[in-house]
C-alpha cells in the first residue's frame, strides 16, 4: 500500500474564511506533497513540491519553499 503525503493549510482569500467558518476548522485547503521530478504544463519541477487546486486555475504546482513562505501552514 502506498501513501500520499498531504498538507493542511489556510488561505487568506475571503472564500477561505468562509470555508473555515462553515466547517468549523482552522484549515481551508489541502494539498498533496510530491518529492521527485515532475512535468506539469510544459514545465519541469524538481525537489519537494505541493500539488494543489486553485480556483479558476485548476491544479497548480508550487515549490515547497514558496508554499511554506506564504504562512499558510
Protein backbone atom coordinates (compact mmCIF):
# COMPACT_ATOMS: atom_id res chain seq x y z
CA UNK A 1 0.00 0.00 0.00
CA UNK A 2 1.31 3.42 -0.95
CA UNK A 3 0.61 6.63 0.88
CA UNK A 4 0.17 10.13 -0.47
CA UNK A 5 1.58 12.72 1.91
CA UNK A 6 -0.77 15.66 2.35
CA UNK A 7 -0.65 19.04 4.00
CA UNK A 8 -3.48 21.07 5.50
CA UNK A 9 -3.29 24.83 5.11
CA UNK A 10 -5.28 28.03 5.42
CA UNK A 11 -5.62 30.76 2.84
CA UNK A 12 -6.13 34.49 3.14
CA UNK A 13 -8.70 34.69 0.36
CA UNK A 14 -12.25 35.59 1.53
CA UNK A 15 -13.56 32.19 0.40
CA UNK A 16 -11.02 30.57 2.73
CA UNK A 17 -12.56 32.37 5.69
CA UNK A 18 -15.99 31.17 4.58
CA UNK A 19 -14.81 27.57 4.34
CA UNK A 20 -13.31 27.74 7.84
CA UNK A 21 -16.49 29.31 9.24
CA UNK A 22 -18.82 26.71 7.72
CA UNK A 23 -16.62 23.70 8.57
CA UNK A 24 -15.53 24.98 12.00
CA UNK A 25 -11.97 24.13 11.06
CA UNK A 26 -8.75 26.09 11.21
CA UNK A 27 -7.92 24.72 7.74
CA UNK A 28 -9.46 25.70 4.43
CA UNK A 29 -7.19 23.91 1.99
CA UNK A 30 -5.46 20.59 1.50
CA UNK A 31 -2.76 19.66 -0.97
CA UNK A 32 -0.61 16.69 -1.93
CA UNK A 33 3.16 16.63 -1.49
CA UNK A 34 5.40 15.20 -4.20
CA UNK A 35 9.14 14.67 -3.96
CA UNK A 36 10.91 13.91 -7.21
CA UNK A 37 10.89 15.06 -10.81
CA UNK A 38 7.56 16.17 -12.25
CA UNK A 39 6.46 17.68 -15.55
CA UNK A 40 3.29 19.79 -15.48
CA UNK A 41 2.11 22.31 -18.03
CA UNK A 42 5.30 22.01 -20.05
CA UNK A 43 7.50 22.91 -17.06
CA UNK A 44 9.84 20.61 -15.15
CA UNK A 45 9.90 20.66 -11.37
CA UNK A 46 12.44 19.08 -9.02
CA UNK A 47 12.59 18.70 -5.26
CA UNK A 48 9.69 18.84 -2.83
CA UNK A 49 6.59 20.45 -4.31
CA UNK A 50 2.93 20.94 -3.49
CA UNK A 51 0.16 19.92 -5.88
CA UNK A 52 -2.91 22.00 -5.11
CA UNK A 53 -6.19 23.05 -6.65
CA UNK A 54 -6.66 26.75 -7.22
CA UNK A 55 -9.98 28.35 -8.07
CA UNK A 56 -10.01 29.39 -11.69
CA UNK A 57 -6.59 27.86 -12.39
CA UNK A 58 -7.16 24.14 -11.80
CA UNK A 59 -4.28 22.07 -10.43
CA UNK A 60 -1.09 24.04 -9.90
CA UNK A 61 2.40 23.07 -8.78
CA UNK A 62 4.08 25.18 -6.10
CA UNK A 63 7.61 24.55 -4.82
CA UNK A 64 7.50 23.72 -1.09
CA UNK A 65 9.63 26.71 -0.07
CA UNK A 66 7.17 29.10 -1.77
CA UNK A 67 4.12 27.39 -0.28
CA UNK A 68 5.66 27.39 3.19
CA UNK A 69 6.77 31.05 2.96
CA UNK A 70 3.17 32.12 2.47
CA UNK A 71 2.42 31.36 6.14
CA UNK A 72 -0.37 29.00 5.15
CA UNK A 73 0.65 26.10 7.35
